[in-house]
Amino acid sequence: MKLKQVFIVAAVSMAVSVNAEDGITIPKPNIHGTLRPRYEYAVDDGDMRFQVRDARVGVDGSLCRMFDYKAEVELCDKGSMKTLDVWGRVNFAPQFKAQLGNMRMPFNIGSMRAPHQYLFADRATTDKQVASPRNVGLKLIYSPAAVPLTIEGGVFNSKSNSNQQVWQDKMAAAAKARYRIGDMSVIAGFQSLMPGNVRANHFSGSLTWETSSWLLEGEYVYRHYDGDAAPEVHAYDFMANYGIPVKLGCFNRLSFQGRWDGITDYSDGVTMDDDGHLAITTPAFNRLTAGATISYVMANVRCDFRLNYENYFYHSGVTAPDNDRNKLVAELVVRF
């Protein structure tokens, strides 16, 4: 609770702060949050549970044209509290920026979307299992004025950011390039992590086509371990979203979603088996997800009520992990 109280006090203090010297007023920060409570029902055995998947509160803003900042904490991620984005950014020019602090590593589509922008209750395998974690580091951002291209790249701590006092002789690195052509975006990414004692390298590619009604997207991620310490991993995601304006009470948009994603046998790079080799922590599976969402969207706030059904397909003889089994999910998303 101390962290929560300190964060709230800091946010309020920043919101009312005024620099009286020379009559300069510091711009007020934007205060925002995302809540995602949900109900899950395991259709095969009748088990059920409630969760608060996200309860995020954050502030961001600019001190002037040259300096930006963001601070965000997770008050309840299925019962645990976490520090998320805590960074400052220097805008050397409109095309070139440097960001220092705790952040998601640039890599794939998932590293671009916050929870209130998700289209499904659960993230795709290309993001949840093998995508970009958060850590402390330095990221550079370059966006040439004459080309619809954004390039991000940086170096980060390789150890867990829960203990940032550990000296490290090996760093993690990540980079992403995004090119936009009309309604289409192309992303290519590279990431090199050290989750344990073995380096894992990732390569990703994706294609997104988006209009006012449709979003079609496909993504592929490849993961390879140095020395072939564990089997290489292939993750993929193909999804579609179709939305239409409606007038139903305060709701003003109705959308329908479908997704096919999957992953081959996956090791987290840390867990070892009885023989001292990297263990498979997620068995290979495919998943079919169908859903519908009714939303209230107005400016920077929104409220979504989402209903998803997830059907998992495992190899014969594989026992489904407790969290990855056929289920029905009803979720409420509030963004303020």
Protein backbone atom coordinates (compact mmCIF):
# COMPACT_ATOMS: atom_id res chain seq x y z
CA MET A 1 0.00 0.00 0.00
CA LYS A 2 2.95 2.35 0.57
CA LEU A 3 3.80 2.37 -3.13
CA LYS A 4 0.21 3.17 -4.02
CA GLN A 5 0.05 6.03 -1.55
CA VAL A 6 3.37 7.49 -2.70
CA PHE A 7 2.27 7.30 -6.33
CA ILE A 8 -1.06 9.02 -5.68
CA VAL A 9 0.58 11.79 -3.65
CA ALA A 10 3.19 12.33 -6.37
CA ALA A 11 0.53 12.45 -9.09
CA VAL A 12 -1.56 15.00 -7.22
CA SER A 13 1.49 17.10 -6.41
CA MET A 14 2.58 17.16 -10.04
CA ALA A 15 -0.93 18.04 -11.19
CA VAL A 16 -1.02 21.22 -9.13
CA SER A 17 2.66 22.18 -9.33
CA VAL A 18 3.50 25.67 -10.54
CA ASN A 19 6.95 27.10 -10.96
CA ALA A 20 6.54 30.67 -9.80
CA GLU A 21 10.09 31.63 -10.74
CA ASP A 22 10.06 33.91 -13.77
CA GLY A 23 6.30 33.38 -14.00
CA ILE A 24 6.72 30.03 -15.78
CA THR A 25 3.90 27.53 -15.30
CA ILE A 26 4.77 23.84 -15.65
CA PRO A 27 2.19 22.05 -17.84
CA LYS A 28 -0.10 19.76 -15.88
CA PRO A 29 0.38 16.04 -16.52
CA ASN A 30 -2.22 13.72 -17.97
CA ILE A 31 -3.58 11.31 -15.38
CA HIS A 32 -4.98 8.07 -16.81
CA GLY A 33 -5.83 4.51 -15.86
CA THR A 34 -7.05 1.17 -17.15
CA LEU A 35 -9.20 -1.36 -15.29
CA ARG A 36 -9.81 -4.91 -16.60
CA PRO A 37 -11.89 -7.09 -14.25
CA ARG A 38 -13.09 -10.39 -15.70
CA TYR A 39 -14.91 -13.68 -15.14
CA GLU A 40 -13.60 -16.96 -16.57
CA TYR A 41 -15.41 -20.27 -16.95
CA ALA A 42 -13.56 -23.49 -17.87
CA VAL A 43 -16.07 -25.18 -20.14
CA ASP A 44 -14.66 -28.73 -19.90
CA ASP A 45 -14.79 -29.17 -16.11
CA GLY A 46 -16.99 -26.32 -14.87
CA ASP A 47 -14.31 -24.51 -12.83
CA MET A 48 -14.60 -20.72 -12.63
CA ARG A 49 -12.84 -17.68 -11.21
CA PHE A 50 -12.87 -13.88 -11.06
CA GLN A 51 -9.74 -11.83 -11.75
CA VAL A 52 -8.60 -8.24 -11.94
CA ARG A 53 -6.23 -8.54 -14.88
CA ASP A 54 -5.20 -4.87 -14.85
CA ALA A 55 -5.60 -1.91 -12.55
CA ARG A 56 -3.15 0.56 -14.00
CA VAL A 57 -2.72 4.19 -12.98
CA GLY A 58 -0.23 6.53 -14.58
CA VAL A 59 0.80 10.07 -15.38
CA ASP A 60 2.53 11.41 -18.46
CA GLY A 61 3.18 14.76 -20.05
CA SER A 62 5.75 17.28 -21.21
CA LEU A 63 7.80 19.78 -19.26
CA CYS A 64 8.49 21.63 -22.50
CA ARG A 65 8.93 20.76 -26.16
CA MET A 66 12.19 18.99 -25.37
CA PHE A 67 11.30 16.84 -22.34
CA ASP A 68 8.56 14.19 -21.90
CA TYR A 69 7.95 11.75 -19.07
CA LYS A 70 5.75 8.84 -18.03
CA ALA A 71 5.20 6.94 -14.78
CA GLU A 72 2.76 4.03 -14.51
CA VAL A 73 2.15 1.32 -11.93
CA GLU A 74 0.06 -1.84 -11.94
CA LEU A 75 -1.94 -1.97 -8.72
CA CYS A 76 -3.42 -5.41 -9.41
CA ASP A 77 -2.16 -7.88 -12.03
CA LYS A 78 -4.14 -10.96 -10.96
CA GLY A 79 -3.37 -10.01 -7.38
CA SER A 80 0.18 -8.66 -7.62
CA MET A 81 1.56 -5.12 -7.85
CA LYS A 82 4.17 -4.11 -10.42
CA THR A 83 6.10 -1.09 -11.62
CA LEU A 84 5.54 -0.57 -15.35
CA ASP A 85 6.71 2.42 -17.37
CA VAL A 86 8.96 4.90 -15.55
CA TRP A 87 10.96 6.95 -18.02
CA GLY A 88 12.03 10.37 -19.23
CA ARG A 89 12.50 11.31 -22.88
CA VAL A 90 14.59 13.98 -24.54
CA ASN A 91 13.38 15.27 -27.92
CA PHE A 92 16.58 16.44 -29.59
CA ALA A 93 14.62 17.12 -32.79
CA PRO A 94 11.17 16.22 -34.13
CA GLN A 95 12.79 13.23 -35.85
CA PHE A 96 15.12 12.05 -33.07
CA LYS A 97 14.40 11.16 -29.43
CA ALA A 98 16.16 9.35 -26.59
CA GLN A 99 14.24 7.58 -23.81
CA LEU A 100 15.80 6.41 -20.52
CA GLY A 101 14.16 4.36 -17.79
CA ASN A 102 11.89 1.35 -17.35
CA MET A 103 9.84 0.49 -20.47
CA ARG A 104 8.74 -2.27 -22.82
CA MET A 105 11.48 -3.23 -25.23
CA PRO A 106 10.68 -2.36 -28.85
CA PHE A 107 10.07 -5.51 -30.86
CA ASN A 108 6.66 -6.40 -32.27
CA ILE A 109 3.01 -5.35 -32.43
CA GLY A 110 2.41 -6.22 -28.79
CA SER A 111 5.02 -3.73 -27.60
CA MET A 112 2.93 -0.95 -29.22
CA ARG A 113 -0.43 -1.72 -27.58
CA ALA A 114 -1.62 -0.96 -24.10
CA PRO A 115 -4.31 -3.14 -22.42
CA HIS A 116 -7.15 -0.76 -23.37
CA GLN A 117 -6.16 -1.30 -27.02
CA TYR A 118 -6.34 -5.10 -26.91
CA LEU A 119 -8.99 -6.73 -29.07
CA PHE A 120 -9.10 -9.99 -27.10
CA ALA A 121 -9.13 -10.82 -23.40
CA ASP A 122 -5.92 -12.85 -23.74
CA ARG A 123 -2.86 -11.77 -25.71
CA ALA A 124 -1.66 -13.71 -28.74
CA THR A 125 1.18 -16.22 -28.43
CA THR A 126 3.42 -13.85 -30.41
CA ASP A 127 3.12 -11.38 -27.54
CA LYS A 128 2.36 -13.33 -24.37
CA GLN A 129 4.99 -16.07 -24.67
CA VAL A 130 7.80 -14.71 -26.83
CA ALA A 131 7.44 -10.94 -27.09
CA SER A 132 9.07 -7.97 -25.44
CA PRO A 133 9.31 -7.77 -21.64
CA ARG A 134 9.88 -4.60 -19.66
CA ASN A 135 13.28 -3.62 -18.36
CA VAL A 136 15.48 -0.63 -17.60
CA GLY A 137 17.53 0.75 -20.45
CA LEU A 138 18.10 3.36 -23.12
CA LYS A 139 16.03 3.55 -26.31
CA LEU A 140 16.59 5.74 -29.35
CA ILE A 141 13.72 6.67 -31.69
CA TYR A 142 14.18 7.98 -35.23
CA SER A 143 11.36 9.08 -37.55
CA PRO A 144 12.55 10.69 -40.81
CA ALA A 145 10.30 13.54 -41.90
CA ALA A 146 10.04 12.53 -45.55
CA VAL A 147 9.29 8.81 -45.01
CA PRO A 148 6.46 7.14 -42.98
CA LEU A 149 9.03 5.11 -41.08
CA THR A 150 9.78 4.79 -37.36
CA ILE A 151 12.88 3.02 -36.10
CA GLU A 152 13.37 2.21 -32.40
CA GLY A 153 16.32 0.44 -30.83
CA GLY A 154 18.04 0.18 -27.49
CA VAL A 155 20.02 -1.72 -24.88
CA PHE A 156 18.58 -2.92 -21.58
CA ASN A 157 19.43 -4.79 -18.41
CA SER A 158 19.37 -8.52 -18.99
CA LYS A 159 18.44 -9.43 -15.41
CA SER A 160 15.00 -9.00 -13.86
CA ASN A 161 14.06 -5.39 -13.22
CA SER A 162 12.79 -6.33 -9.76
CA ASN A 163 16.41 -6.00 -8.60
CA GLN A 164 18.25 -3.25 -10.47
CA GLN A 165 21.36 -3.30 -8.27
CA VAL A 166 22.80 -6.41 -9.95
CA TRP A 167 25.96 -5.71 -12.00
CA GLN A 168 25.72 -7.31 -15.44
CA ASP A 169 28.35 -8.34 -17.97
CA LYS A 170 25.82 -9.08 -20.70
CA MET A 171 23.01 -6.81 -21.83
CA ALA A 172 19.73 -7.33 -23.67
CA ALA A 173 18.99 -5.51 -26.92
CA ALA A 174 15.91 -4.87 -29.05
CA ALA A 175 15.00 -3.01 -32.22
CA LYS A 176 11.94 -2.45 -34.37
CA ALA A 177 11.18 -0.76 -37.68
CA ARG A 178 7.65 0.21 -38.70
CA TYR A 179 6.75 1.39 -42.19
CA ARG A 180 3.27 2.60 -43.08
CA ILE A 181 1.80 2.52 -46.60
CA GLY A 182 -1.72 3.94 -46.70
CA ASP A 183 -3.91 1.64 -44.59
CA MET A 184 -1.12 -0.93 -44.22
CA SER A 185 1.70 -1.19 -41.68
CA VAL A 186 4.75 -3.46 -41.93
CA ILE A 187 6.84 -4.21 -38.82
CA ALA A 188 10.14 -6.05 -38.53
CA GLY A 189 11.82 -6.62 -35.19
CA PHE A 190 14.87 -8.16 -33.50
CA GLN A 191 15.37 -8.93 -29.83
CA SER A 192 18.16 -10.58 -27.85
CA LEU A 193 17.43 -11.59 -24.24
CA MET A 194 19.24 -13.32 -21.39
CA PRO A 195 16.38 -14.73 -19.28
CA GLY A 196 18.82 -17.16 -17.62
CA ASN A 197 22.31 -18.27 -18.55
CA VAL A 198 21.49 -18.85 -22.23
CA ARG A 199 20.90 -16.07 -24.74
CA ALA A 200 17.66 -16.22 -26.72
CA ASN A 201 17.39 -14.33 -30.03
CA HIS A 202 14.07 -13.35 -31.60
CA PHE A 203 13.04 -12.23 -35.06
CA SER A 204 9.55 -10.98 -35.91
CA GLY A 205 7.57 -9.81 -38.91
CA SER A 206 4.00 -8.59 -39.19
CA LEU A 207 1.52 -7.04 -41.59
CA THR A 208 -1.52 -4.98 -40.51
CA TRP A 209 -4.31 -3.57 -42.68
CA GLU A 210 -6.70 -1.20 -40.91
CA THR A 211 -9.67 0.91 -42.01
CA SER A 212 -12.51 2.53 -40.08
CA SER A 213 -14.34 -0.84 -39.99
CA TRP A 214 -11.73 -3.56 -40.52
CA LEU A 215 -8.47 -4.63 -38.94
CA LEU A 216 -6.66 -7.64 -40.45
CA GLU A 217 -3.35 -8.71 -39.00
CA GLY A 218 -0.77 -11.46 -39.25
CA GLU A 219 2.43 -11.88 -37.24
CA TYR A 220 5.22 -14.44 -36.96
CA VAL A 221 7.95 -14.69 -34.29
CA TYR A 222 10.99 -16.98 -34.35
CA ARG A 223 13.04 -17.71 -31.19
CA HIS A 224 16.45 -19.40 -31.19
CA TYR A 225 18.70 -20.29 -28.23
CA ASP A 226 22.48 -20.05 -28.40
CA GLY A 227 24.10 -23.45 -28.67
CA ASP A 228 20.73 -25.03 -29.47
CA ALA A 229 20.14 -25.22 -25.72
CA ALA A 230 16.42 -25.77 -26.36
CA PRO A 231 14.28 -26.38 -29.45
CA GLU A 232 13.70 -23.34 -31.65
CA VAL A 233 10.29 -21.73 -31.24
CA HIS A 234 7.78 -20.63 -33.87
CA ALA A 235 4.82 -18.46 -32.82
CA TYR A 236 2.11 -17.10 -35.13
CA ASP A 237 -1.06 -15.05 -34.97
CA PHE A 238 -3.73 -14.30 -37.58
CA MET A 239 -6.67 -12.14 -36.52
CA ALA A 240 -9.57 -10.09 -37.85
CA ASN A 241 -11.72 -7.41 -36.26
CA TYR A 242 -14.84 -5.84 -37.79
CA GLY A 243 -16.63 -2.93 -36.12
CA ILE A 244 -19.72 -0.87 -36.84
CA PRO A 245 -21.26 2.22 -35.17
CA VAL A 246 -24.40 1.54 -33.08
CA LYS A 247 -26.75 3.37 -30.74
CA LEU A 248 -27.54 1.15 -27.76
CA GLY A 249 -27.86 3.12 -24.56
CA CYS A 250 -24.50 4.82 -24.07
CA PHE A 251 -22.70 2.29 -26.27
CA ASN A 252 -21.71 3.56 -29.71
CA ARG A 253 -19.70 0.73 -31.30
CA LEU A 254 -20.12 -3.01 -31.81
CA SER A 255 -17.29 -5.21 -33.06
CA PHE A 256 -16.62 -8.88 -33.77
CA GLN A 257 -13.26 -10.63 -33.47
CA GLY A 258 -11.70 -13.87 -34.65
CA ARG A 259 -8.16 -15.17 -34.15
CA TRP A 260 -6.07 -18.26 -34.91
CA ASP A 261 -2.72 -18.38 -33.12
CA GLY A 262 -0.27 -20.96 -31.89
CA ILE A 263 3.21 -21.81 -30.70
CA THR A 264 5.60 -24.76 -30.84
CA ASP A 265 7.22 -26.23 -27.69
CA TYR A 266 8.53 -23.28 -25.70
CA SER A 267 11.13 -22.88 -22.95
CA ASP A 268 11.24 -19.78 -20.79
CA GLY A 269 15.04 -19.98 -20.86
CA VAL A 270 15.27 -20.31 -17.07
CA THR A 271 13.53 -23.50 -15.89
CA MET A 272 15.74 -26.62 -16.00
CA ASP A 273 14.69 -30.28 -16.27
CA ASP A 274 16.08 -33.19 -14.22
CA ASP A 275 18.96 -33.64 -16.69
CA GLY A 276 20.13 -30.04 -16.34
CA HIS A 277 18.78 -28.91 -19.72
CA LEU A 278 16.30 -26.14 -20.44
CA ALA A 279 12.81 -27.49 -19.82
CA ILE A 280 9.75 -27.06 -22.02
CA THR A 281 7.52 -24.76 -19.97
CA THR A 282 4.71 -24.33 -22.52
CA PRO A 283 3.73 -27.32 -24.69
CA ALA A 284 2.89 -26.69 -28.34
CA PHE A 285 -0.69 -25.70 -29.04
CA ASN A 286 -3.00 -23.94 -31.45
CA ARG A 287 -5.93 -21.81 -30.34
CA LEU A 288 -9.11 -20.55 -31.92
CA THR A 289 -10.69 -17.47 -30.32
CA ALA A 290 -14.02 -15.92 -31.22
CA GLY A 291 -15.45 -12.83 -29.58
CA ALA A 292 -17.71 -9.82 -29.61
CA THR A 293 -17.26 -6.42 -27.96
CA ILE A 294 -19.70 -3.59 -27.34
CA SER A 295 -18.07 -0.27 -26.56
CA TYR A 296 -18.50 3.31 -25.48
CA VAL A 297 -15.74 5.36 -27.09
CA MET A 298 -15.44 9.11 -26.67
CA ALA A 299 -12.18 11.05 -27.09
CA ASN A 300 -9.58 9.50 -24.76
CA VAL A 301 -11.97 7.49 -22.59
CA ARG A 302 -13.72 4.24 -23.36
CA CYS A 303 -15.58 1.32 -21.83
CA ASP A 304 -15.69 -2.14 -23.45
CA PHE A 305 -17.71 -5.18 -22.50
CA ARG A 306 -16.12 -8.20 -24.15
CA LEU A 307 -17.12 -11.84 -24.46
CA ASN A 308 -14.53 -14.36 -25.73
CA TYR A 309 -14.46 -18.11 -26.24
CA GLU A 310 -11.03 -19.76 -26.46
CA ASN A 311 -10.59 -23.31 -27.77
CA TYR A 312 -7.13 -24.90 -27.37
CA PHE A 313 -5.72 -27.72 -29.49
CA TYR A 314 -2.85 -29.77 -28.01
CA HIS A 315 -0.94 -32.76 -29.29
CA SER A 316 -2.29 -36.15 -28.28
CA GLY A 317 -1.38 -37.08 -24.71
CA VAL A 318 -0.48 -33.53 -23.62
CA THR A 319 -2.07 -32.25 -20.43
CA ALA A 320 -3.27 -28.68 -20.87
CA PRO A 321 -1.66 -26.16 -18.47
CA ASP A 322 -4.05 -24.83 -15.86
CA ASN A 323 -4.32 -21.36 -17.42
CA ASP A 324 -4.39 -22.45 -21.06
CA ARG A 325 -7.52 -24.53 -21.48
CA ASN A 326 -10.89 -24.13 -23.17
CA LYS A 327 -12.71 -21.25 -21.49
CA LEU A 328 -15.31 -18.54 -21.75
CA VAL A 329 -14.18 -15.06 -20.69
CA ALA A 330 -16.39 -12.07 -19.90
CA GLU A 331 -14.36 -8.90 -19.42
CA LEU A 332 -15.02 -5.26 -18.64
CA VAL A 333 -12.42 -2.72 -19.81
CA VAL A 334 -12.50 0.85 -18.49
CA ARG A 335 -10.07 3.47 -19.74
CA PHE A 336 -10.05 6.93 -18.15
